[in-house]
């Protein structure tokens, strides 16, 4: 199997000593390298972005699914835009609602 040499991967293979090992050891080291990179990326993303986990009943899920489909948006994008629109409407109406 021929692999493309990537500077980061190659440096990692050299630093771990896997570069002169069998193909199985090299492939395992490459998987470890990419797992580390994914973990670092997730950590950086968590510093600037936040997420929520929400559960829905079957009826609520079907309602959101249909509305998202009609809007030609993904479910996630639809929920995000709907929530932000709601917040902006509440703020515009001047009710005692603050976003901190």
PDB file of N, CA and C in Angstrom:
ATOM      1  N   UNK A   1       0.838  -1.175   0.000  1.00  0.00           N
ATOM      2  CA  UNK A   1       0.000   0.000   0.000  1.00  0.00           C
ATOM      3  C   UNK A   1       0.888   1.245   0.000  1.00  0.00           C
ATOM      4  N   UNK A   2       0.671   2.115  -0.930  1.00  0.00           N
ATOM      5  CA  UNK A   2       1.460   3.334  -1.032  1.00  0.00           C
ATOM      6  C   UNK A   2       0.700   4.449  -0.325  1.00  0.00           C
ATOM      7  N   UNK A   3       1.381   5.165   0.535  1.00  0.00           N
ATOM      8  CA  UNK A   3       0.736   6.249   1.271  1.00  0.00           C
ATOM      9  C   UNK A   3       1.361   7.575   0.907  1.00  0.00           C
ATOM     10  N   UNK A   4       0.557   8.605   0.937  1.00  0.00           N
ATOM     11  CA  UNK A   4       1.028   9.959   0.671  1.00  0.00           C
ATOM     12  C   UNK A   4       1.752  10.455   1.923  1.00  0.00           C
ATOM     13  N   UNK A   5       2.933  11.014   1.751  1.00  0.00           N
ATOM     14  CA  UNK A   5       3.687  11.525   2.891  1.00  0.00           C
ATOM     15  C   UNK A   5       3.172  12.913   3.243  1.00  0.00           C
ATOM     16  N   UNK A   6       2.693  13.053   4.453  1.00  0.00           N
ATOM     17  CA  UNK A   6       2.243  14.333   4.974  1.00  0.00           C
ATOM     18  C   UNK A   6       3.253  14.739   6.037  1.00  0.00           C
ATOM     19  N   UNK A   7       3.643  15.976   6.026  1.00  0.00           N
ATOM     20  CA  UNK A   7       4.687  16.444   6.922  1.00  0.00           C
ATOM     21  C   UNK A   7       4.386  16.106   8.379  1.00  0.00           C
ATOM     22  N   UNK A   8       3.165  16.406   8.858  1.00  0.00           N
ATOM     23  CA  UNK A   8       2.805  16.143  10.241  1.00  0.00           C
ATOM     24  C   UNK A   8       2.834  14.667  10.576  1.00  0.00           C
ATOM     25  N   UNK A   9       2.263  13.855   9.693  1.00  0.00           N
ATOM     26  CA  UNK A   9       2.229  12.412   9.917  1.00  0.00           C
ATOM     27  C   UNK A   9       3.641  11.847   9.877  1.00  0.00           C
ATOM     28  N   UNK A  10       4.394  12.256   8.887  1.00  0.00           N
ATOM     29  CA  UNK A  10       5.761  11.756   8.745  1.00  0.00           C
ATOM     30  C   UNK A  10       6.599  12.116   9.966  1.00  0.00           C
ATOM     31  N   UNK A  11       6.483  13.355  10.425  1.00  0.00           N
ATOM     32  CA  UNK A  11       7.224  13.781  11.615  1.00  0.00           C
ATOM     33  C   UNK A  11       6.830  12.952  12.825  1.00  0.00           C
ATOM     34  N   UNK A  12       5.521  12.673  12.951  1.00  0.00           N
ATOM     35  CA  UNK A  12       5.038  11.858  14.067  1.00  0.00           C
ATOM     36  C   UNK A  12       5.611  10.445  13.980  1.00  0.00           C
ATOM     37  N   UNK A  13       5.622   9.876  12.780  1.00  0.00           N
ATOM     38  CA  UNK A  13       6.158   8.521  12.607  1.00  0.00           C
ATOM     39  C   UNK A  13       7.642   8.475  12.964  1.00  0.00           C
ATOM     40  N   UNK A  14       8.374   9.490  12.572  1.00  0.00           N
ATOM     41  CA  UNK A  14       9.802   9.553  12.892  1.00  0.00           C
ATOM     42  C   UNK A  14       9.998   9.712  14.391  1.00  0.00           C
ATOM     43  N   UNK A  15       9.223  10.610  15.009  1.00  0.00           N
ATOM     44  CA  UNK A  15       9.404  10.873  16.445  1.00  0.00           C
ATOM     45  C   UNK A  15       9.027   9.677  17.313  1.00  0.00           C
ATOM     46  N   UNK A  16       8.077   8.862  16.850  1.00  0.00           N
ATOM     47  CA  UNK A  16       7.686   7.677  17.629  1.00  0.00           C
ATOM     48  C   UNK A  16       8.519   6.452  17.280  1.00  0.00           C
ATOM     49  N   UNK A  17       9.303   6.559  16.225  1.00  0.00           N
ATOM     50  CA  UNK A  17      10.136   5.426  15.811  1.00  0.00           C
ATOM     51  C   UNK A  17       9.385   4.397  15.002  1.00  0.00           C
ATOM     52  N   UNK A  18       8.165   4.712  14.598  1.00  0.00           N
ATOM     53  CA  UNK A  18       7.345   3.766  13.845  1.00  0.00           C
ATOM     54  C   UNK A  18       7.723   3.721  12.371  1.00  0.00           C
ATOM     55  N   UNK A  19       8.499   4.683  11.909  1.00  0.00           N
ATOM     56  CA  UNK A  19       8.823   4.794  10.490  1.00  0.00           C
ATOM     57  C   UNK A  19       9.584   3.572   9.970  1.00  0.00           C
ATOM     58  N   UNK A  20      10.372   2.938  10.824  1.00  0.00           N
ATOM     59  CA  UNK A  20      11.169   1.779  10.387  1.00  0.00           C
ATOM     60  C   UNK A  20      10.556   0.459  10.823  1.00  0.00           C
ATOM     61  N   UNK A  21       9.284   0.468  11.165  1.00  0.00           N
ATOM     62  CA  UNK A  21       8.617  -0.746  11.640  1.00  0.00           C
ATOM     63  C   UNK A  21       7.799  -1.375  10.511  1.00  0.00           C
ATOM     64  N   UNK A  22       7.052  -2.411  10.868  1.00  0.00           N
ATOM     65  CA  UNK A  22       6.206  -3.094   9.886  1.00  0.00           C
ATOM     66  C   UNK A  22       5.035  -2.199   9.476  1.00  0.00           C
ATOM     67  N   UNK A  23       4.381  -2.591   8.383  1.00  0.00           N
ATOM     68  CA  UNK A  23       3.256  -1.821   7.862  1.00  0.00           C
ATOM     69  C   UNK A  23       2.131  -1.713   8.890  1.00  0.00           C
ATOM     70  N   UNK A  24       1.887  -2.769   9.659  1.00  0.00           N
ATOM     71  CA  UNK A  24       0.836  -2.738  10.680  1.00  0.00           C
ATOM     72  C   UNK A  24       1.137  -1.695  11.755  1.00  0.00           C
ATOM     73  N   UNK A  25       2.375  -1.626  12.188  1.00  0.00           N
ATOM     74  CA  UNK A  25       2.783  -0.651  13.210  1.00  0.00           C
ATOM     75  C   UNK A  25       2.650   0.768  12.659  1.00  0.00           C
ATOM     76  N   UNK A  26       3.032   0.957  11.406  1.00  0.00           N
ATOM     77  CA  UNK A  26       2.926   2.276  10.783  1.00  0.00           C
ATOM     78  C   UNK A  26       1.470   2.708  10.687  1.00  0.00           C
ATOM     79  N   UNK A  27       0.614   1.787  10.240  1.00  0.00           N
ATOM     80  CA  UNK A  27      -0.815   2.117  10.115  1.00  0.00           C
ATOM     81  C   UNK A  27      -1.433   2.441  11.468  1.00  0.00           C
ATOM     82  N   UNK A  28      -1.038   1.711  12.503  1.00  0.00           N
ATOM     83  CA  UNK A  28      -1.542   1.988  13.848  1.00  0.00           C
ATOM     84  C   UNK A  28      -1.083   3.366  14.323  1.00  0.00           C
ATOM     85  N   UNK A  29       0.176   3.692  14.051  1.00  0.00           N
ATOM     86  CA  UNK A  29       0.711   4.999  14.450  1.00  0.00           C
ATOM     87  C   UNK A  29       0.005   6.123  13.698  1.00  0.00           C
ATOM     88  N   UNK A  30      -0.314   5.900  12.423  1.00  0.00           N
ATOM     89  CA  UNK A  30      -1.034   6.907  11.640  1.00  0.00           C
ATOM     90  C   UNK A  30      -2.424   7.120  12.223  1.00  0.00           C
ATOM     91  N   UNK A  31      -3.116   6.042  12.588  1.00  0.00           N
ATOM     92  CA  UNK A  31      -4.453   6.172  13.217  1.00  0.00           C
ATOM     93  C   UNK A  31      -4.355   6.944  14.524  1.00  0.00           C
ATOM     94  N   UNK A  32      -3.331   6.634  15.328  1.00  0.00           N
ATOM     95  CA  UNK A  32      -3.127   7.349  16.597  1.00  0.00           C
ATOM     96  C   UNK A  32      -2.892   8.841  16.347  1.00  0.00           C
ATOM     97  N   UNK A  33      -2.092   9.149  15.326  1.00  0.00           N
ATOM     98  CA  UNK A  33      -1.803  10.547  14.988  1.00  0.00           C
ATOM     99  C   UNK A  33      -3.095  11.285  14.656  1.00  0.00           C
ATOM    100  N   UNK A  34      -3.927  10.696  13.794  1.00  0.00           N
ATOM    101  CA  UNK A  34      -5.162  11.376  13.395  1.00  0.00           C
ATOM    102  C   UNK A  34      -6.150  11.459  14.546  1.00  0.00           C
ATOM    103  N   UNK A  35      -6.168  10.467  15.422  1.00  0.00           N
ATOM    104  CA  UNK A  35      -7.035  10.550  16.602  1.00  0.00           C
ATOM    105  C   UNK A  35      -6.602  11.705  17.504  1.00  0.00           C
ATOM    106  N   UNK A  36      -5.285  11.873  17.652  1.00  0.00           N
ATOM    107  CA  UNK A  36      -4.779  12.998  18.451  1.00  0.00           C
ATOM    108  C   UNK A  36      -5.165  14.326  17.813  1.00  0.00           C
ATOM    109  N   UNK A  37      -5.029  14.427  16.492  1.00  0.00           N
ATOM    110  CA  UNK A  37      -5.386  15.660  15.785  1.00  0.00           C
ATOM    111  C   UNK A  37      -6.868  15.980  15.939  1.00  0.00           C
ATOM    112  N   UNK A  38      -7.725  14.956  15.836  1.00  0.00           N
ATOM    113  CA  UNK A  38      -9.170  15.175  16.003  1.00  0.00           C
ATOM    114  C   UNK A  38      -9.480  15.665  17.410  1.00  0.00           C
ATOM    115  N   UNK A  39      -8.840  15.070  18.398  1.00  0.00           N
ATOM    116  CA  UNK A  39      -9.058  15.468  19.788  1.00  0.00           C
ATOM    117  C   UNK A  39      -8.620  16.916  20.019  1.00  0.00           C
ATOM    118  N   UNK A  40      -7.454  17.293  19.479  1.00  0.00           N
ATOM    119  CA  UNK A  40      -6.981  18.674  19.595  1.00  0.00           C
ATOM    120  C   UNK A  40      -7.950  19.638  18.925  1.00  0.00           C
ATOM    121  N   UNK A  41      -8.466  19.251  17.775  1.00  0.00           N
ATOM    122  CA  UNK A  41      -9.415  20.097  17.050  1.00  0.00           C
ATOM    123  C   UNK A  41     -10.694  20.299  17.854  1.00  0.00           C
ATOM    124  N   UNK A  42     -11.192  19.229  18.454  1.00  0.00           N
ATOM    125  CA  UNK A  42     -12.404  19.330  19.279  1.00  0.00           C
ATOM    126  C   UNK A  42     -12.173  20.238  20.484  1.00  0.00           C
ATOM    127  N   UNK A  43     -10.988  20.136  21.101  1.00  0.00           N
ATOM    128  CA  UNK A  43     -10.675  20.986  22.252  1.00  0.00           C
ATOM    129  C   UNK A  43     -10.644  22.458  21.858  1.00  0.00           C
ATOM    130  N   UNK A  44     -10.036  22.763  20.701  1.00  0.00           N
ATOM    131  CA  UNK A  44      -9.998  24.148  20.221  1.00  0.00           C
ATOM    132  C   UNK A  44     -11.405  24.658  19.920  1.00  0.00           C
ATOM    133  N   UNK A  45     -12.224  23.813  19.331  1.00  0.00           N
ATOM    134  CA  UNK A  45     -13.581  24.209  18.987  1.00  0.00           C
ATOM    135  C   UNK A  45     -14.407  24.489  20.237  1.00  0.00           C
ATOM    136  N   UNK A  46     -14.200  23.705  21.287  1.00  0.00           N
ATOM    137  CA  UNK A  46     -14.951  23.897  22.532  1.00  0.00           C
ATOM    138  C   UNK A  46     -14.652  25.233  23.194  1.00  0.00           C
ATOM    139  N   UNK A  47     -13.490  25.806  22.915  1.00  0.00           N
ATOM    140  CA  UNK A  47     -13.131  27.095  23.499  1.00  0.00           C
ATOM    141  C   UNK A  47     -13.973  28.231  22.935  1.00  0.00           C
ATOM    142  N   UNK A  48     -14.406  28.109  21.682  1.00  0.00           N
ATOM    143  CA  UNK A  48     -15.126  29.196  21.033  1.00  0.00           C
ATOM    144  C   UNK A  48     -16.589  28.882  20.741  1.00  0.00           C
ATOM    145  N   UNK A  49     -16.959  27.622  20.721  1.00  0.00           N
ATOM    146  CA  UNK A  49     -18.320  27.241  20.373  1.00  0.00           C
ATOM    147  C   UNK A  49     -18.925  26.399  21.483  1.00  0.00           C
ATOM    148  N   UNK A  50     -20.239  26.499  21.616  1.00  0.00           N
ATOM    149  CA  UNK A  50     -20.946  25.747  22.640  1.00  0.00           C
ATOM    150  C   UNK A  50     -22.081  24.968  21.995  1.00  0.00           C
ATOM    151  N   UNK A  51     -22.538  23.930  22.655  1.00  0.00           N
ATOM    152  CA  UNK A  51     -23.614  23.127  22.085  1.00  0.00           C
ATOM    153  C   UNK A  51     -24.604  22.724  23.170  1.00  0.00           C
ATOM    154  N   UNK A  52     -25.780  22.341  22.723  1.00  0.00           N
ATOM    155  CA  UNK A  52     -26.837  21.871  23.609  1.00  0.00           C
ATOM    156  C   UNK A  52     -27.309  20.521  23.101  1.00  0.00           C
ATOM    157  N   UNK A  53     -27.757  19.689  24.011  1.00  0.00           N
ATOM    158  CA  UNK A  53     -28.383  18.436  23.644  1.00  0.00           C
ATOM    159  C   UNK A  53     -29.844  18.539  24.034  1.00  0.00           C
ATOM    160  N   UNK A  54     -30.721  18.275  23.075  1.00  0.00           N
ATOM    161  CA  UNK A  54     -32.152  18.425  23.294  1.00  0.00           C
ATOM    162  C   UNK A  54     -32.843  17.129  22.902  1.00  0.00           C
ATOM    163  N   UNK A  55     -33.839  16.730  23.685  1.00  0.00           N
ATOM    164  CA  UNK A  55     -34.618  15.532  23.369  1.00  0.00           C
ATOM    165  C   UNK A  55     -36.021  15.938  22.963  1.00  0.00           C
ATOM    166  N   UNK A  56     -36.601  15.204  22.031  1.00  0.00           N
ATOM    167  CA  UNK A  56     -37.935  15.490  21.534  1.00  0.00           C
ATOM    168  C   UNK A  56     -38.794  14.236  21.581  1.00  0.00           C
ATOM    169  N   UNK A  57     -40.102  14.444  21.707  1.00  0.00           N
ATOM    170  CA  UNK A  57     -41.031  13.324  21.574  1.00  0.00           C
ATOM    171  C   UNK A  57     -41.117  12.978  20.085  1.00  0.00           C
ATOM    172  N   UNK A  58     -41.755  11.871  19.764  1.00  0.00           N
ATOM    173  CA  UNK A  58     -41.898  11.487  18.351  1.00  0.00           C
ATOM    174  C   UNK A  58     -42.671  12.542  17.578  1.00  0.00           C
ATOM    175  N   UNK A  59     -43.710  13.091  18.185  1.00  0.00           N
ATOM    176  CA  UNK A  59     -44.518  14.112  17.513  1.00  0.00           C
ATOM    177  C   UNK A  59     -43.716  15.390  17.287  1.00  0.00           C
ATOM    178  N   UNK A  60     -42.956  15.815  18.298  1.00  0.00           N
ATOM    179  CA  UNK A  60     -42.134  17.008  18.159  1.00  0.00           C
ATOM    180  C   UNK A  60     -41.061  16.803  17.088  1.00  0.00           C
ATOM    181  N   UNK A  61     -40.491  15.615  17.087  1.00  0.00           N
ATOM    182  CA  UNK A  61     -39.461  15.300  16.099  1.00  0.00           C
ATOM    183  C   UNK A  61     -40.035  15.359  14.687  1.00  0.00           C
ATOM    184  N   UNK A  62     -41.206  14.784  14.494  1.00  0.00           N
ATOM    185  CA  UNK A  62     -41.839  14.783  13.177  1.00  0.00           C
ATOM    186  C   UNK A  62     -42.162  16.216  12.741  1.00  0.00           C
ATOM    187  N   UNK A  63     -42.627  17.034  13.673  1.00  0.00           N
ATOM    188  CA  UNK A  63     -42.953  18.428  13.378  1.00  0.00           C
ATOM    189  C   UNK A  63     -41.709  19.201  12.946  1.00  0.00           C
ATOM    190  N   UNK A  64     -40.628  19.035  13.678  1.00  0.00           N
ATOM    191  CA  UNK A  64     -39.371  19.716  13.340  1.00  0.00           C
ATOM    192  C   UNK A  64     -38.820  19.191  12.018  1.00  0.00           C
ATOM    193  N   UNK A  65     -38.881  17.902  11.834  1.00  0.00           N
ATOM    194  CA  UNK A  65     -38.397  17.281  10.597  1.00  0.00           C
ATOM    195  C   UNK A  65     -39.128  17.854   9.382  1.00  0.00           C
ATOM    196  N   UNK A  66     -40.456  17.940   9.472  1.00  0.00           N
ATOM    197  CA  UNK A  66     -41.259  18.454   8.365  1.00  0.00           C
ATOM    198  C   UNK A  66     -40.974  19.937   8.106  1.00  0.00           C
ATOM    199  N   UNK A  67     -40.901  20.722   9.175  1.00  0.00           N
ATOM    200  CA  UNK A  67     -40.646  22.157   9.023  1.00  0.00           C
ATOM    201  C   UNK A  67     -39.264  22.405   8.421  1.00  0.00           C
ATOM    202  N   UNK A  68     -38.283  21.640   8.842  1.00  0.00           N
ATOM    203  CA  UNK A  68     -36.926  21.787   8.300  1.00  0.00           C
ATOM    204  C   UNK A  68     -36.906  21.420   6.821  1.00  0.00           C
ATOM    205  N   UNK A  69     -37.613  20.356   6.476  1.00  0.00           N
ATOM    206  CA  UNK A  69     -37.670  19.915   5.083  1.00  0.00           C
ATOM    207  C   UNK A  69     -38.330  20.986   4.212  1.00  0.00           C
ATOM    208  N   UNK A  70     -39.423  21.575   4.703  1.00  0.00           N
ATOM    209  CA  UNK A  70     -40.113  22.627   3.958  1.00  0.00           C
ATOM    210  C   UNK A  70     -39.239  23.869   3.807  1.00  0.00           C
ATOM    211  N   UNK A  71     -38.405  24.131   4.804  1.00  0.00           N
ATOM    212  CA  UNK A  71     -37.507  25.288   4.763  1.00  0.00           C
ATOM    213  C   UNK A  71     -36.239  25.005   3.968  1.00  0.00           C
ATOM    214  N   UNK A  72     -36.075  23.760   3.556  1.00  0.00           N
ATOM    215  CA  UNK A  72     -34.882  23.312   2.829  1.00  0.00           C
ATOM    216  C   UNK A  72     -33.616  23.548   3.647  1.00  0.00           C
ATOM    217  N   UNK A  73     -33.726  23.274   4.955  1.00  0.00           N
ATOM    218  CA  UNK A  73     -32.596  23.382   5.871  1.00  0.00           C
ATOM    219  C   UNK A  73     -32.410  22.041   6.565  1.00  0.00           C
ATOM    220  N   UNK A  74     -31.198  21.822   7.064  1.00  0.00           N
ATOM    221  CA  UNK A  74     -30.995  20.636   7.893  1.00  0.00           C
ATOM    222  C   UNK A  74     -31.750  20.851   9.197  1.00  0.00           C
ATOM    223  N   UNK A  75     -32.043  19.776   9.894  1.00  0.00           N
ATOM    224  CA  UNK A  75     -32.760  19.905  11.173  1.00  0.00           C
ATOM    225  C   UNK A  75     -31.989  20.789  12.135  1.00  0.00           C
ATOM    226  N   UNK A  76     -30.675  20.592  12.212  1.00  0.00           N
ATOM    227  CA  UNK A  76     -29.850  21.363  13.128  1.00  0.00           C
ATOM    228  C   UNK A  76     -29.871  22.843  12.770  1.00  0.00           C
ATOM    229  N   UNK A  77     -29.703  23.139  11.496  1.00  0.00           N
ATOM    230  CA  UNK A  77     -29.709  24.532  11.047  1.00  0.00           C
ATOM    231  C   UNK A  77     -31.078  25.173  11.312  1.00  0.00           C
ATOM    232  N   UNK A  78     -32.156  24.408  11.062  1.00  0.00           N
ATOM    233  CA  UNK A  78     -33.508  24.924  11.295  1.00  0.00           C
ATOM    234  C   UNK A  78     -33.712  25.262  12.772  1.00  0.00           C
ATOM    235  N   UNK A  79     -33.312  24.355  13.657  1.00  0.00           N
ATOM    236  CA  UNK A  79     -33.488  24.570  15.097  1.00  0.00           C
ATOM    237  C   UNK A  79     -32.679  25.788  15.546  1.00  0.00           C
ATOM    238  N   UNK A  80     -31.437  25.911  15.064  1.00  0.00           N
ATOM    239  CA  UNK A  80     -30.587  27.039  15.437  1.00  0.00           C
ATOM    240  C   UNK A  80     -31.203  28.355  14.973  1.00  0.00           C
ATOM    241  N   UNK A  81     -31.631  28.412  13.715  1.00  0.00           N
ATOM    242  CA  UNK A  81     -32.205  29.650  13.195  1.00  0.00           C
ATOM    243  C   UNK A  81     -33.521  29.993  13.891  1.00  0.00           C
ATOM    244  N   UNK A  82     -34.329  28.976  14.190  1.00  0.00           N
ATOM    245  CA  UNK A  82     -35.598  29.222  14.879  1.00  0.00           C
ATOM    246  C   UNK A  82     -35.359  29.773  16.282  1.00  0.00           C
ATOM    247  N   UNK A  83     -34.393  29.215  16.989  1.00  0.00           N
ATOM    248  CA  UNK A  83     -34.088  29.686  18.345  1.00  0.00           C
ATOM    249  C   UNK A  83     -33.569  31.119  18.316  1.00  0.00           C
ATOM    250  N   UNK A  84     -32.667  31.416  17.387  1.00  0.00           N
ATOM    251  CA  UNK A  84     -32.120  32.773  17.294  1.00  0.00           C
ATOM    252  C   UNK A  84     -33.188  33.778  16.869  1.00  0.00           C
ATOM    253  N   UNK A  85     -34.078  33.370  15.988  1.00  0.00           N
ATOM    254  CA  UNK A  85     -35.173  34.247  15.579  1.00  0.00           C
ATOM    255  C   UNK A  85     -36.086  34.539  16.764  1.00  0.00           C
ATOM    256  N   UNK A  86     -36.386  33.500  17.547  1.00  0.00           N
ATOM    257  CA  UNK A  86     -37.229  33.678  18.729  1.00  0.00           C
ATOM    258  C   UNK A  86     -36.602  34.670  19.707  1.00  0.00           C
ATOM    259  N   UNK A  87     -35.327  34.517  19.956  1.00  0.00           N
ATOM    260  CA  UNK A  87     -34.619  35.410  20.878  1.00  0.00           C
ATOM    261  C   UNK A  87     -34.651  36.846  20.357  1.00  0.00           C
ATOM    262  N   UNK A  88     -34.435  37.030  19.062  1.00  0.00           N
ATOM    263  CA  UNK A  88     -34.437  38.391  18.513  1.00  0.00           C
ATOM    264  C   UNK A  88     -35.837  39.002  18.553  1.00  0.00           C
ATOM    265  N   UNK A  89     -36.884  38.211  18.366  1.00  0.00           N
ATOM    266  CA  UNK A  89     -38.253  38.721  18.447  1.00  0.00           C
ATOM    267  C   UNK A  89     -38.567  39.150  19.873  1.00  0.00           C
ATOM    268  N   UNK A  90     -38.213  38.328  20.843  1.00  0.00           N
ATOM    269  CA  UNK A  90     -38.463  38.648  22.250  1.00  0.00           C
ATOM    270  C   UNK A  90     -37.720  39.939  22.626  1.00  0.00           C
ATOM    271  N   UNK A  91     -36.472  40.059  22.189  1.00  0.00           N
ATOM    272  CA  UNK A  91     -35.683  41.249  22.501  1.00  0.00           C
ATOM    273  C   UNK A  91     -36.288  42.478  21.820  1.00  0.00           C
ATOM    274  N   UNK A  92     -36.770  42.297  20.599  1.00  0.00           N
ATOM    275  CA  UNK A  92     -37.355  43.416  19.860  1.00  0.00           C
ATOM    276  C   UNK A  92     -38.659  43.884  20.507  1.00  0.00           C
ATOM    277  N   UNK A  93     -39.425  42.966  21.051  1.00  0.00           N
ATOM    278  CA  UNK A  93     -40.696  43.336  21.682  1.00  0.00           C
ATOM    279  C   UNK A  93     -40.483  44.060  23.005  1.00  0.00           C
ATOM    280  N   UNK A  94     -39.264  44.022  23.520  1.00  0.00           N
ATOM    281  CA  UNK A  94     -38.935  44.775  24.719  1.00  0.00           C
ATOM    282  C   UNK A  94     -39.356  44.094  26.007  1.00  0.00           C
ATOM    283  N   UNK A  95     -39.663  42.829  25.943  1.00  0.00           N
ATOM    284  CA  UNK A  95     -40.018  42.128  27.177  1.00  0.00           C
ATOM    285  C   UNK A  95     -38.785  41.996  28.046  1.00  0.00           C
ATOM    286  N   UNK A  96     -38.989  41.687  29.295  1.00  0.00           N
ATOM    287  CA  UNK A  96     -37.874  41.545  30.225  1.00  0.00           C
ATOM    288  C   UNK A  96     -37.117  40.266  29.919  1.00  0.00           C
ATOM    289  N   UNK A  97     -36.318  40.337  28.910  1.00  0.00           N
ATOM    290  CA  UNK A  97     -35.568  39.183  28.456  1.00  0.00           C
ATOM    291  C   UNK A  97     -34.173  39.666  28.126  1.00  0.00           C
ATOM    292  N   UNK A  98     -33.165  39.049  28.697  1.00  0.00           N
ATOM    293  CA  UNK A  98     -31.803  39.490  28.417  1.00  0.00           C
ATOM    294  C   UNK A  98     -30.948  38.300  28.013  1.00  0.00           C
ATOM    295  N   UNK A  99     -30.102  38.533  27.061  1.00  0.00           N
ATOM    296  CA  UNK A  99     -29.150  37.521  26.621  1.00  0.00           C
ATOM    297  C   UNK A  99     -27.783  37.959  27.121  1.00  0.00           C
ATOM    298  N   UNK A 100     -27.159  37.131  27.925  1.00  0.00           N
ATOM    299  CA  UNK A 100     -25.868  37.494  28.504  1.00  0.00           C
ATOM    300  C   UNK A 100     -24.766  36.689  27.879  1.00  0.00           C
TER     301      UNK A 100
END
